[in-house]
N, C-alpha and C. Protein backbone atom coordinates (compact mmCIF):
# COMPACT_ATOMS: atom_id res chain seq x y z
N MET A 1 36.99 70.82 127.08
CA MET A 1 37.57 70.68 125.99
C MET A 1 38.90 69.47 126.23
N ASN A 2 38.79 68.74 124.96
CA ASN A 2 40.24 67.64 124.92
C ASN A 2 40.97 68.40 124.45
N ARG A 3 42.16 67.95 124.28
CA ARG A 3 43.40 68.28 123.56
C ARG A 3 42.90 68.78 122.09
N ARG A 4 42.55 67.57 121.23
CA ARG A 4 42.10 68.02 119.95
C ARG A 4 41.12 68.59 119.65
N GLU A 5 40.35 68.83 120.54
CA GLU A 5 39.18 70.14 120.24
C GLU A 5 40.07 71.87 120.65
N ALA A 6 41.02 71.56 121.43
CA ALA A 6 41.57 72.70 121.50
C ALA A 6 42.60 72.96 120.42
N LEU A 7 43.38 72.21 119.89
CA LEU A 7 43.92 72.26 118.50
C LEU A 7 42.94 72.89 117.31
N ARG A 8 41.81 71.92 117.31
CA ARG A 8 40.94 72.32 116.20
C ARG A 8 40.63 73.86 116.29
N LEU A 9 40.31 74.24 117.49
CA LEU A 9 40.02 75.74 117.75
C LEU A 9 40.88 76.92 117.74
N LEU A 10 42.34 76.16 118.17
CA LEU A 10 43.36 77.13 117.41
C LEU A 10 43.55 77.26 115.87
N MET A 11 43.70 76.44 115.30
CA MET A 11 43.68 76.16 113.66
C MET A 11 42.37 76.98 113.05
N ALA A 12 41.40 77.20 113.84
CA ALA A 12 40.28 77.56 112.66
C ALA A 12 40.39 78.75 112.66
N GLY A 13 41.38 79.57 113.65
CA GLY A 13 41.38 81.03 113.55
C GLY A 13 42.66 81.83 112.34
N ALA A 14 42.06 81.90 111.42
CA ALA A 14 42.60 82.05 110.17
C ALA A 14 43.10 83.41 110.20
N THR A 15 42.23 84.50 110.83
CA THR A 15 42.52 85.79 111.05
C THR A 15 42.61 86.36 112.28
N VAL A 16 43.45 86.01 113.38
CA VAL A 16 43.26 85.99 114.68
C VAL A 16 42.84 87.17 115.18
N PRO A 17 43.63 88.62 114.53
CA PRO A 17 43.25 89.79 115.10
C PRO A 17 42.08 90.02 114.85
N LEU A 18 41.53 89.83 113.76
CA LEU A 18 39.81 90.17 113.23
C LEU A 18 38.60 89.38 114.25
N LEU A 19 39.17 88.30 114.90
CA LEU A 19 37.84 87.88 115.69
C LEU A 19 37.20 88.41 116.73
N PRO A 20 36.21 88.01 116.84
CA PRO A 20 35.18 88.62 118.01
C PRO A 20 35.87 88.33 119.33
N ARG A 21 35.84 89.15 120.28
CA ARG A 21 36.28 88.92 121.54
C ARG A 21 36.04 87.76 122.22
N GLY A 22 34.85 87.22 121.92
CA GLY A 22 34.58 85.62 122.41
C GLY A 22 35.38 84.74 121.85
N ALA A 23 35.74 84.87 120.52
CA ALA A 23 36.49 83.81 120.22
C ALA A 23 37.97 83.83 120.13
N LEU A 24 38.41 85.12 120.51
CA LEU A 24 39.92 85.22 120.74
C LEU A 24 39.61 84.85 122.28
N ALA A 25 38.87 84.55 123.34
CA ALA A 25 38.81 84.58 124.28
C ALA A 25 38.89 83.14 124.20
N ALA A 26 38.39 82.02 123.39
CA ALA A 26 38.31 80.71 123.45
C ALA A 26 39.55 80.41 123.22
N MET A 27 40.07 81.31 121.92
CA MET A 27 41.43 80.61 121.56
C MET A 27 42.52 80.57 122.53
N ARG A 28 42.44 81.91 123.28
CA ARG A 28 43.38 82.10 124.60
C ARG A 28 43.34 80.84 125.22
N SER A 29 41.98 80.44 125.57
CA SER A 29 42.01 79.24 126.88
C SER A 29 42.71 78.09 125.76
N ALA A 30 42.18 77.65 124.92
CA ALA A 30 42.74 76.94 124.16
C ALA A 30 44.36 76.96 124.19
N ARG A 31 45.15 77.79 123.95
CA ARG A 31 46.30 77.77 123.85
C ARG A 31 47.15 77.43 125.32
N VAL A 32 46.60 78.13 126.24
CA VAL A 32 47.11 77.60 127.49
C VAL A 32 46.76 76.23 127.57
N PHE A 33 45.52 75.39 127.41
CA PHE A 33 45.02 74.35 127.50
C PHE A 33 46.27 73.39 127.00
N VAL A 34 46.53 73.46 125.66
CA VAL A 34 47.44 72.39 124.96
C VAL A 34 49.15 72.90 125.27
N GLY A 35 49.59 74.35 125.88
CA GLY A 35 50.54 74.38 126.64
C GLY A 35 51.97 74.41 125.44
N THR A 36 53.26 74.19 126.01
CA THR A 36 54.27 74.31 125.18
C THR A 36 54.95 73.04 125.35
N PRO A 37 55.31 72.31 124.63
CA PRO A 37 56.25 71.27 124.66
C PRO A 37 57.65 71.41 125.32
N ASP A 38 58.48 70.69 125.98
CA ASP A 38 59.98 71.08 126.61
C ASP A 38 60.72 71.20 125.59
N ALA A 39 60.52 70.46 124.50
CA ALA A 39 61.50 70.40 123.41
C ALA A 39 61.20 70.16 122.20
N PRO A 40 61.53 70.38 120.94
CA PRO A 40 61.06 70.12 119.76
C PRO A 40 60.81 69.07 119.39
N ARG A 41 59.58 68.33 119.09
CA ARG A 41 59.36 66.88 118.53
C ARG A 41 59.48 66.56 116.86
N THR A 42 59.14 67.46 115.97
CA THR A 42 59.27 67.35 114.88
C THR A 42 60.60 67.84 114.22
N LEU A 43 60.82 69.26 114.46
CA LEU A 43 61.78 69.99 114.16
C LEU A 43 62.91 69.74 114.41
N ASN A 44 63.98 69.45 113.69
CA ASN A 44 65.34 69.24 114.37
C ASN A 44 65.89 70.60 114.93
N PRO A 45 66.88 70.82 115.24
CA PRO A 45 67.55 72.29 116.04
C PRO A 45 67.48 73.01 114.80
N HIS A 46 68.34 73.02 113.49
CA HIS A 46 68.57 73.52 112.56
C HIS A 46 66.94 74.21 112.21
N GLN A 47 66.22 73.31 111.66
CA GLN A 47 65.06 73.60 111.43
C GLN A 47 64.11 74.54 112.32
N PHE A 48 64.23 74.34 113.69
CA PHE A 48 63.76 74.94 114.53
C PHE A 48 64.16 76.32 114.62
N ALA A 49 65.59 76.60 114.60
CA ALA A 49 66.33 78.20 114.24
C ALA A 49 65.68 78.72 112.95
N THR A 50 65.48 78.08 112.00
CA THR A 50 65.11 78.63 110.78
C THR A 50 63.80 79.22 110.79
N ALA A 51 62.53 78.32 111.45
CA ALA A 51 61.45 78.85 111.70
C ALA A 51 61.53 79.95 112.84
N LYS A 52 62.20 79.91 114.02
CA LYS A 52 62.10 81.12 114.82
C LYS A 52 62.72 82.28 114.16
N THR A 53 63.59 82.31 113.18
CA THR A 53 63.93 83.31 112.97
C THR A 53 63.35 83.69 111.74
N MET A 54 62.32 83.44 110.99
CA MET A 54 61.42 83.65 110.27
C MET A 54 60.17 84.33 110.90
N ALA A 55 59.74 83.94 111.98
CA ALA A 55 58.77 84.24 112.94
C ALA A 55 58.99 85.89 113.51
N GLU A 56 60.48 85.75 113.88
CA GLU A 56 60.90 86.87 114.29
C GLU A 56 60.70 88.12 113.12
N LEU A 57 60.75 87.55 112.16
CA LEU A 57 60.94 88.56 110.95
C LEU A 57 59.37 88.95 110.48
N ILE A 58 58.70 87.97 110.62
CA ILE A 58 57.41 88.11 110.10
C ILE A 58 56.30 89.10 111.42
N LEU A 59 57.07 88.93 112.53
CA LEU A 59 56.24 89.96 113.77
C LEU A 59 57.61 90.05 114.72
N PRO A 60 58.19 91.26 114.25
CA PRO A 60 59.38 91.29 115.07
C PRO A 60 59.14 92.11 116.70
N ARG A 61 60.35 92.15 117.55
CA ARG A 61 60.06 92.32 118.51
C ARG A 61 60.25 94.02 118.49
N THR A 62 59.16 95.01 119.16
CA THR A 62 59.29 96.38 119.24
C THR A 62 59.12 96.80 120.39
N GLU A 63 58.08 97.82 120.78
CA GLU A 63 57.91 97.90 122.17
C GLU A 63 57.31 96.51 122.99
N THR A 64 56.68 95.87 122.18
CA THR A 64 56.19 94.69 122.75
C THR A 64 56.86 93.61 122.24
N PRO A 65 56.83 92.34 122.73
CA PRO A 65 57.25 91.28 122.67
C PRO A 65 57.08 90.64 121.17
N GLY A 66 57.83 90.09 120.58
CA GLY A 66 57.80 89.36 119.17
C GLY A 66 57.19 88.12 119.24
N ALA A 67 56.95 87.60 117.70
CA ALA A 67 56.35 86.13 118.00
C ALA A 67 57.62 85.30 118.23
N ALA A 68 58.91 85.26 118.15
CA ALA A 68 59.71 84.27 118.41
C ALA A 68 59.77 84.43 120.26
N ASP A 69 59.47 85.74 120.82
CA ASP A 69 59.52 85.91 122.36
C ASP A 69 58.27 84.95 122.93
N GLU A 70 57.28 85.04 122.06
CA GLU A 70 56.17 84.43 122.33
C GLU A 70 55.96 82.97 121.95
N GLY A 71 57.03 82.41 121.98
CA GLY A 71 57.22 80.66 121.77
C GLY A 71 56.67 80.39 120.29
N ALA A 72 56.51 81.22 119.42
CA ALA A 72 56.25 80.83 117.90
C ALA A 72 56.94 79.65 117.23
N ALA A 73 57.79 79.26 117.76
CA ALA A 73 58.84 78.36 116.80
C ALA A 73 58.25 77.08 117.43
N GLU A 74 58.10 77.17 118.70
CA GLU A 74 57.54 76.34 119.68
C GLU A 74 56.10 75.73 119.43
N PHE A 75 55.32 77.15 119.18
CA PHE A 75 53.99 76.47 118.72
C PHE A 75 53.96 75.78 117.42
N ILE A 76 54.59 76.14 116.36
CA ILE A 76 54.77 75.64 114.81
C ILE A 76 54.95 74.19 115.00
N ASP A 77 55.98 73.73 115.83
CA ASP A 77 56.52 72.51 116.30
C ASP A 77 55.46 71.75 116.85
N LEU A 78 54.62 72.26 117.72
CA LEU A 78 53.47 71.38 118.42
C LEU A 78 52.36 71.20 117.04
N ILE A 79 52.01 72.18 116.57
CA ILE A 79 51.15 72.01 115.35
C ILE A 79 51.53 70.63 114.38
N LEU A 80 52.99 71.19 113.86
CA LEU A 80 53.56 70.08 112.91
C LEU A 80 53.37 68.82 113.62
N THR A 81 53.64 68.41 114.78
CA THR A 81 53.65 67.13 115.30
C THR A 81 52.31 66.71 115.76
N GLU A 82 51.34 67.46 116.51
CA GLU A 82 50.03 67.01 116.86
C GLU A 82 48.92 67.37 115.65
N TRP A 83 49.10 68.53 114.94
CA TRP A 83 47.73 68.55 114.03
C TRP A 83 47.87 67.90 112.40
N TYR A 84 49.07 68.75 112.01
CA TYR A 84 49.32 68.06 110.57
C TYR A 84 49.41 67.07 109.92
N VAL A 85 48.96 66.67 109.03
CA VAL A 85 48.66 65.32 108.54
C VAL A 85 50.13 65.09 107.58
N ASN A 86 50.67 64.08 107.24
CA ASN A 86 52.03 63.52 106.93
C ASN A 86 51.98 64.65 105.71
N ASP A 87 51.15 64.49 104.61
CA ASP A 87 51.52 65.74 103.51
C ASP A 87 51.66 66.98 103.76
N GLU A 88 50.90 67.50 104.74
CA GLU A 88 51.05 68.81 105.29
C GLU A 88 52.55 69.29 106.14
N ARG A 89 52.79 68.19 106.75
CA ARG A 89 54.18 68.07 107.53
C ARG A 89 55.50 68.21 106.38
N ALA A 90 55.35 67.29 105.70
CA ALA A 90 56.29 67.25 104.47
C ALA A 90 56.42 68.31 104.09
N ARG A 91 55.07 68.92 103.58
CA ARG A 91 55.33 70.15 102.85
C ARG A 91 56.00 71.32 103.55
N PHE A 92 55.70 71.32 104.85
CA PHE A 92 56.30 72.67 105.77
C PHE A 92 57.59 72.21 106.16
N LEU A 93 58.13 71.11 106.15
CA LEU A 93 59.94 70.83 106.08
C LEU A 93 60.33 70.98 104.80
N ALA A 94 59.49 70.74 103.57
CA ALA A 94 60.27 70.85 102.19
C ALA A 94 60.28 72.48 102.27
N GLY A 95 59.44 73.38 102.72
CA GLY A 95 59.62 74.69 102.58
C GLY A 95 60.53 75.10 103.34
N LEU A 96 60.97 74.67 104.57
CA LEU A 96 62.36 75.10 105.38
C LEU A 96 63.33 74.88 104.46
N ASP A 97 63.58 73.85 104.01
CA ASP A 97 64.71 73.24 103.13
C ASP A 97 64.98 74.30 102.02
N ASP A 98 63.93 74.49 101.18
CA ASP A 98 63.57 75.21 100.23
C ASP A 98 64.27 76.82 100.70
N VAL A 99 63.96 77.27 101.64
CA VAL A 99 64.40 78.68 101.98
C VAL A 99 66.09 78.74 102.34
N ASP A 100 66.72 77.49 103.03
CA ASP A 100 68.17 77.49 102.99
C ASP A 100 68.38 77.43 101.45
N HIS A 101 67.95 76.52 100.77
CA HIS A 101 68.54 76.54 99.19
C HIS A 101 68.47 77.85 98.69
N ARG A 102 67.41 78.77 98.97
CA ARG A 102 67.65 79.97 98.41
C ARG A 102 68.53 80.91 99.05
N SER A 103 68.59 80.70 100.31
CA SER A 103 69.78 81.54 100.78
C SER A 103 71.16 80.91 100.35
N GLN A 104 71.39 79.55 100.28
CA GLN A 104 72.71 79.13 99.68
C GLN A 104 73.21 79.89 98.45
N SER A 105 71.86 79.73 97.54
CA SER A 105 72.40 80.18 96.00
C SER A 105 72.69 81.54 96.03
N LEU A 106 71.83 82.44 96.95
CA LEU A 106 72.31 83.81 96.87
C LEU A 106 73.28 84.20 97.84
N PHE A 107 73.71 83.59 98.76
CA PHE A 107 74.57 84.29 99.65
C PHE A 107 75.49 83.05 100.45
N SER A 108 75.36 81.99 100.05
CA SER A 108 76.46 80.94 100.08
C SER A 108 76.32 80.54 101.87
N LYS A 109 75.16 80.82 102.29
CA LYS A 109 74.93 80.36 103.56
C LYS A 109 73.59 80.21 103.84
N ASP A 110 73.55 79.27 105.06
CA ASP A 110 72.32 79.10 105.57
C ASP A 110 71.15 80.28 105.60
N PHE A 111 69.73 79.97 105.69
CA PHE A 111 68.86 81.33 106.04
C PHE A 111 69.33 82.08 107.37
N ALA A 112 69.37 80.94 108.56
CA ALA A 112 69.52 81.34 110.09
C ALA A 112 70.90 82.04 110.06
N ASP A 113 71.90 81.83 109.41
CA ASP A 113 73.52 82.47 109.51
C ASP A 113 73.50 83.68 108.47
N ALA A 114 72.36 84.07 107.53
CA ALA A 114 72.38 85.03 106.75
C ALA A 114 72.40 86.27 107.71
N SER A 115 72.79 87.49 107.33
CA SER A 115 72.59 88.59 107.77
C SER A 115 70.91 89.12 107.98
N ARG A 116 70.25 89.86 108.50
CA ARG A 116 69.05 90.46 108.95
C ARG A 116 68.43 90.80 107.43
N ALA A 117 69.54 91.77 106.34
CA ALA A 117 69.11 92.23 105.33
C ALA A 117 68.99 91.07 104.27
N GLN A 118 69.87 90.10 104.50
CA GLN A 118 69.35 89.04 103.63
C GLN A 118 68.16 88.32 103.64
N GLN A 119 67.93 87.97 104.99
CA GLN A 119 67.05 87.11 105.50
C GLN A 119 65.56 87.70 104.94
N THR A 120 65.51 89.20 105.24
CA THR A 120 64.42 90.00 104.41
C THR A 120 64.49 90.19 102.90
N ASP A 121 65.18 90.08 102.43
CA ASP A 121 65.24 89.80 101.02
C ASP A 121 64.46 88.61 100.77
N ILE A 122 64.72 87.51 101.17
CA ILE A 122 64.09 86.32 100.64
C ILE A 122 62.56 86.23 101.24
N LEU A 123 62.65 86.56 102.36
CA LEU A 123 61.18 86.75 102.85
C LEU A 123 60.07 87.47 102.10
N MET A 124 60.77 88.81 101.17
CA MET A 124 60.19 89.69 100.54
C MET A 124 59.90 88.89 99.34
N VAL A 125 61.08 88.04 98.53
CA VAL A 125 60.60 87.28 97.76
C VAL A 125 59.44 85.97 97.76
N LEU A 126 59.43 85.44 98.88
CA LEU A 126 58.54 84.59 99.46
C LEU A 126 56.95 85.11 99.35
N GLY A 127 57.08 86.55 99.79
CA GLY A 127 55.64 87.13 99.93
C GLY A 127 55.49 87.37 98.57
N ALA A 128 56.22 88.00 97.79
CA ALA A 128 55.92 88.43 96.26
C ALA A 128 55.35 87.18 95.80
N GLU A 129 56.07 85.91 95.85
CA GLU A 129 55.48 84.62 95.22
C GLU A 129 54.25 84.20 95.56
N LEU A 130 53.89 84.19 96.99
CA LEU A 130 52.66 84.08 97.46
C LEU A 130 51.54 84.91 96.72
N SER A 131 52.05 86.56 96.56
CA SER A 131 50.83 87.53 96.20
C SER A 131 50.47 87.12 95.10
N GLU A 132 51.31 86.14 94.16
CA GLU A 132 50.68 85.67 92.77
C GLU A 132 50.13 84.38 92.34
N LEU A 133 49.79 83.82 93.75
CA LEU A 133 49.24 82.68 93.52
C LEU A 133 47.63 82.98 93.86
N PRO A 134 46.53 82.05 93.24
CA PRO A 134 45.30 82.22 93.66
C PRO A 134 45.18 81.76 94.83
N GLN A 135 44.35 82.59 95.77
CA GLN A 135 44.04 82.00 97.29
C GLN A 135 42.95 81.49 97.43
N SER A 136 43.10 79.82 97.42
CA SER A 136 42.09 79.20 97.64
C SER A 136 41.95 78.80 98.94
N ARG A 137 40.99 79.32 99.70
CA ARG A 137 40.61 79.04 101.03
C ARG A 137 39.51 78.07 101.46
N ASP A 138 39.72 77.15 102.19
CA ASP A 138 38.82 76.53 103.02
C ASP A 138 38.33 76.48 104.34
N HIS A 139 37.32 76.94 104.43
CA HIS A 139 37.08 77.29 105.81
C HIS A 139 35.87 76.06 106.83
N SER A 140 35.78 75.10 105.86
CA SER A 140 34.68 74.21 106.44
C SER A 140 34.98 73.21 107.01
N PRO A 141 34.46 72.78 108.08
CA PRO A 141 35.08 71.74 108.92
C PRO A 141 35.72 70.63 108.33
N ARG A 142 36.92 70.16 109.10
CA ARG A 142 37.43 68.83 108.33
C ARG A 142 37.63 68.08 108.91
N ASN A 143 37.94 66.83 108.30
CA ASN A 143 38.11 65.47 109.37
C ASN A 143 39.44 65.82 110.51
N ARG A 144 39.33 64.73 111.40
CA ARG A 144 40.56 64.90 112.47
C ARG A 144 41.66 64.73 111.73
N GLY A 145 42.30 65.74 112.51
CA GLY A 145 44.00 65.84 111.75
C GLY A 145 44.18 66.54 110.61
N SER A 146 43.36 67.19 110.07
CA SER A 146 43.66 67.83 108.99
C SER A 146 43.54 69.44 109.12
N SER A 147 44.40 70.20 108.71
CA SER A 147 44.10 71.68 109.05
C SER A 147 42.86 72.30 108.14
N PRO A 148 41.80 73.22 108.71
CA PRO A 148 41.05 73.49 107.94
C PRO A 148 41.08 74.64 106.79
N GLN A 149 42.52 74.94 106.58
CA GLN A 149 42.54 75.69 105.65
C GLN A 149 43.69 75.05 104.34
N ALA A 150 43.15 74.97 103.37
CA ALA A 150 43.87 74.03 102.23
C ALA A 150 44.68 74.90 101.36
N SER A 151 46.19 74.95 101.55
CA SER A 151 46.83 75.57 100.72
C SER A 151 48.22 74.78 100.68
N ASP A 152 48.78 74.84 99.53
CA ASP A 152 50.12 74.34 99.21
C ASP A 152 51.62 75.10 99.83
N ASN A 153 51.14 76.52 99.66
CA ASN A 153 52.22 77.43 99.86
C ASN A 153 52.89 77.25 101.36
N PHE A 154 54.14 76.96 101.34
CA PHE A 154 54.67 76.94 102.97
C PHE A 154 54.93 78.29 103.29
N TYR A 155 54.99 79.54 102.66
CA TYR A 155 55.24 80.65 103.39
C TYR A 155 53.96 80.79 103.78
N LEU A 156 52.75 80.96 103.09
CA LEU A 156 51.28 81.08 103.90
C LEU A 156 51.12 80.16 105.29
N MET A 157 51.39 78.94 105.15
CA MET A 157 51.12 78.31 106.51
C MET A 157 52.02 78.64 107.40
N LEU A 158 53.37 79.16 107.30
CA LEU A 158 54.19 79.41 108.27
C LEU A 158 53.90 80.87 108.89
N ARG A 159 53.32 81.69 107.92
CA ARG A 159 52.70 83.40 108.52
C ARG A 159 51.48 82.90 109.20
N ARG A 160 50.64 81.90 108.65
CA ARG A 160 49.21 81.53 109.78
C ARG A 160 49.77 81.06 110.87
N LEU A 161 50.44 80.38 110.92
CA LEU A 161 50.92 79.83 112.35
C LEU A 161 51.73 80.54 113.16
N THR A 162 52.37 81.48 112.52
CA THR A 162 53.11 82.70 113.47
C THR A 162 51.88 83.56 113.89
N MET A 163 51.07 83.68 113.32
CA MET A 163 50.31 84.94 113.73
C MET A 163 49.07 84.36 115.04
N ILE A 164 48.81 82.85 114.66
CA ILE A 164 48.02 82.17 115.57
C ILE A 164 48.77 82.15 116.96
N ALA A 165 50.04 81.93 116.75
CA ALA A 165 51.11 81.78 117.99
C ALA A 165 51.20 82.90 118.60
N TYR A 166 51.19 83.78 118.18
CA TYR A 166 51.57 85.20 118.47
C TYR A 166 50.15 85.83 119.29
N TYR A 167 49.21 86.09 118.25
CA TYR A 167 47.71 86.69 119.21
C TYR A 167 47.18 85.71 119.79
N THR A 168 47.66 84.50 120.16
CA THR A 168 46.99 83.83 121.21
C THR A 168 47.87 83.60 122.52
N SER A 169 48.92 84.11 122.43
CA SER A 169 49.88 84.46 123.58
C SER A 169 49.03 85.41 124.51
N GLU A 170 50.00 85.26 125.56
CA GLU A 170 49.64 86.42 126.54
C GLU A 170 50.06 87.97 126.03
N ALA A 171 51.33 88.18 125.09
CA ALA A 171 51.36 89.42 125.34
C ALA A 171 51.16 89.74 123.85
N GLY A 172 50.88 88.96 123.18
CA GLY A 172 49.92 89.47 121.81
C GLY A 172 48.50 89.86 121.94
N ALA A 173 47.90 88.73 123.09
CA ALA A 173 46.47 89.35 123.10
C ALA A 173 46.31 90.51 124.44
N THR A 174 46.76 90.62 125.12
CA THR A 174 46.70 91.77 126.01
C THR A 174 47.47 92.81 125.53
N GLN A 175 48.91 92.79 125.14
CA GLN A 175 49.35 94.25 124.42
C GLN A 175 49.30 94.38 123.48
N GLU A 176 49.14 93.75 122.27
CA GLU A 176 48.58 93.88 121.12
C GLU A 176 47.34 94.42 120.77
N LEU A 177 46.70 93.36 120.83
CA LEU A 177 45.10 93.63 120.92
C LEU A 177 44.49 93.92 121.84
N LYS A 178 45.01 94.39 122.88
CA LYS A 178 44.62 95.06 124.24
C LYS A 178 43.04 94.34 124.68
N PHE A 179 43.25 92.98 124.61
CA PHE A 179 42.24 92.17 124.99
C PHE A 179 42.47 91.89 126.64
N GLU A 180 41.56 92.36 127.25
CA GLU A 180 41.45 92.27 128.95
C GLU A 180 41.06 90.81 129.10
N MET A 181 41.78 89.89 129.94
CA MET A 181 41.52 88.79 130.57
C MET A 181 40.18 88.86 131.39
N ILE A 182 39.39 87.70 131.47
CA ILE A 182 38.66 87.62 132.73
C ILE A 182 39.00 86.56 133.34
N PRO A 183 39.19 86.77 134.64
CA PRO A 183 38.90 88.03 135.82
C PRO A 183 39.87 88.68 135.56
N ASP A 184 40.63 89.35 134.90
CA ASP A 184 41.72 90.12 134.62
C ASP A 184 42.80 89.80 135.10
N HIS A 185 43.60 88.62 134.58
CA HIS A 185 44.58 88.26 135.33
C HIS A 185 44.89 87.28 134.31
N PHE A 186 46.23 86.84 134.00
CA PHE A 186 46.94 85.82 133.09
C PHE A 186 47.10 84.29 133.79
N ASP A 187 46.55 83.62 133.88
CA ASP A 187 46.74 82.36 134.66
C ASP A 187 47.95 81.75 133.76
N GLY A 188 49.43 81.53 134.18
CA GLY A 188 50.28 81.07 133.66
C GLY A 188 50.30 79.45 134.03
N CYS A 189 49.37 78.80 133.84
CA CYS A 189 49.68 77.23 134.23
C CYS A 189 50.26 76.37 133.18
N ALA A 190 50.38 77.18 131.90
CA ALA A 190 51.27 76.32 131.01
C ALA A 190 52.48 76.94 130.96
N PRO A 191 53.61 75.75 130.76
CA PRO A 191 54.79 76.43 130.61
C PRO A 191 55.32 77.24 129.26
N ARG A 192 55.73 77.99 129.42
CA ARG A 192 56.36 78.74 128.23
C ARG A 192 57.80 78.93 128.02
N HIS A 193 58.60 78.44 126.70
CA HIS A 193 59.93 78.68 126.43
C HIS A 193 60.36 79.98 126.68
N THR A 194 61.22 80.48 127.03
CA THR A 194 62.09 82.27 126.48
C THR A 194 62.56 81.66 125.24
N ALA A 195 61.85 82.08 124.12
CA ALA A 195 62.32 82.23 122.68
C ALA A 195 62.79 83.93 122.32
N THR A 196 63.06 83.89 121.32
CA THR A 196 63.03 85.24 120.91
C THR A 196 62.51 85.63 119.80
N ALA A 197 61.20 87.00 118.48
CA ALA A 197 60.31 86.75 117.51
C ALA A 197 59.40 88.08 117.15
N LYS A 198 56.23 90.46 114.07
CA LYS A 198 54.86 90.93 113.96
C LYS A 198 54.67 91.01 112.94
N GLU A 199 52.87 90.11 111.86
CA GLU A 199 53.00 90.29 110.31
C GLU A 199 53.49 91.97 110.11
N GLY A 200 54.55 92.43 111.09
CA GLY A 200 54.88 93.75 110.97
C GLY A 200 55.89 94.10 110.11
N SER A 201 56.73 93.41 109.52
CA SER A 201 57.86 93.75 108.69
C SER A 201 57.36 92.81 107.66
N GLN A 202 55.79 92.76 107.13
CA GLN A 202 54.96 92.06 106.57
C GLN A 202 55.84 92.02 105.26
N SER A 203 56.32 90.53 104.90
CA SER A 203 56.96 90.22 104.14
C SER A 203 56.13 90.05 102.72
């Protein structure tokens, strides 16, 4: 497996928790293979903080680690840098800017600086807007550098990346999905950041 194949495999998992065990095992291997970069390469510090906060709200820490704990923001930056094409990347970054604009308009502060209740209100609005859109999904093979699901909606992109990041992590696979590693241990050969992050508060 090369890096491009690993990324393609990861981005093919639109509904990771529902995948057959063999597919999940392959995606787990791909996640370990691509690892986690030492520092964000596409997101600036403010954008990274916003993505991390949103991932935490989507899949929060409970009795098990949340998405941010398992490096969701780092994974999002990896996909933005190495997989998304320019228009997808620009759409995602514009979505982050829009979240701040909404927060400023409502609460006179950026999203990452708002209270948890205020942040949740914004995600609920984003979720409501998403539910009103026709869900056009394309699961057919795509060319190199393209994402396999066509969608213009930023919040759908964010939720999908957050779920892939979480459910292909060690905690997401073993503690949440009860997936047993073969040969029953975790090979921590890929560096993982300590971050802080389930579609649990499903907004």
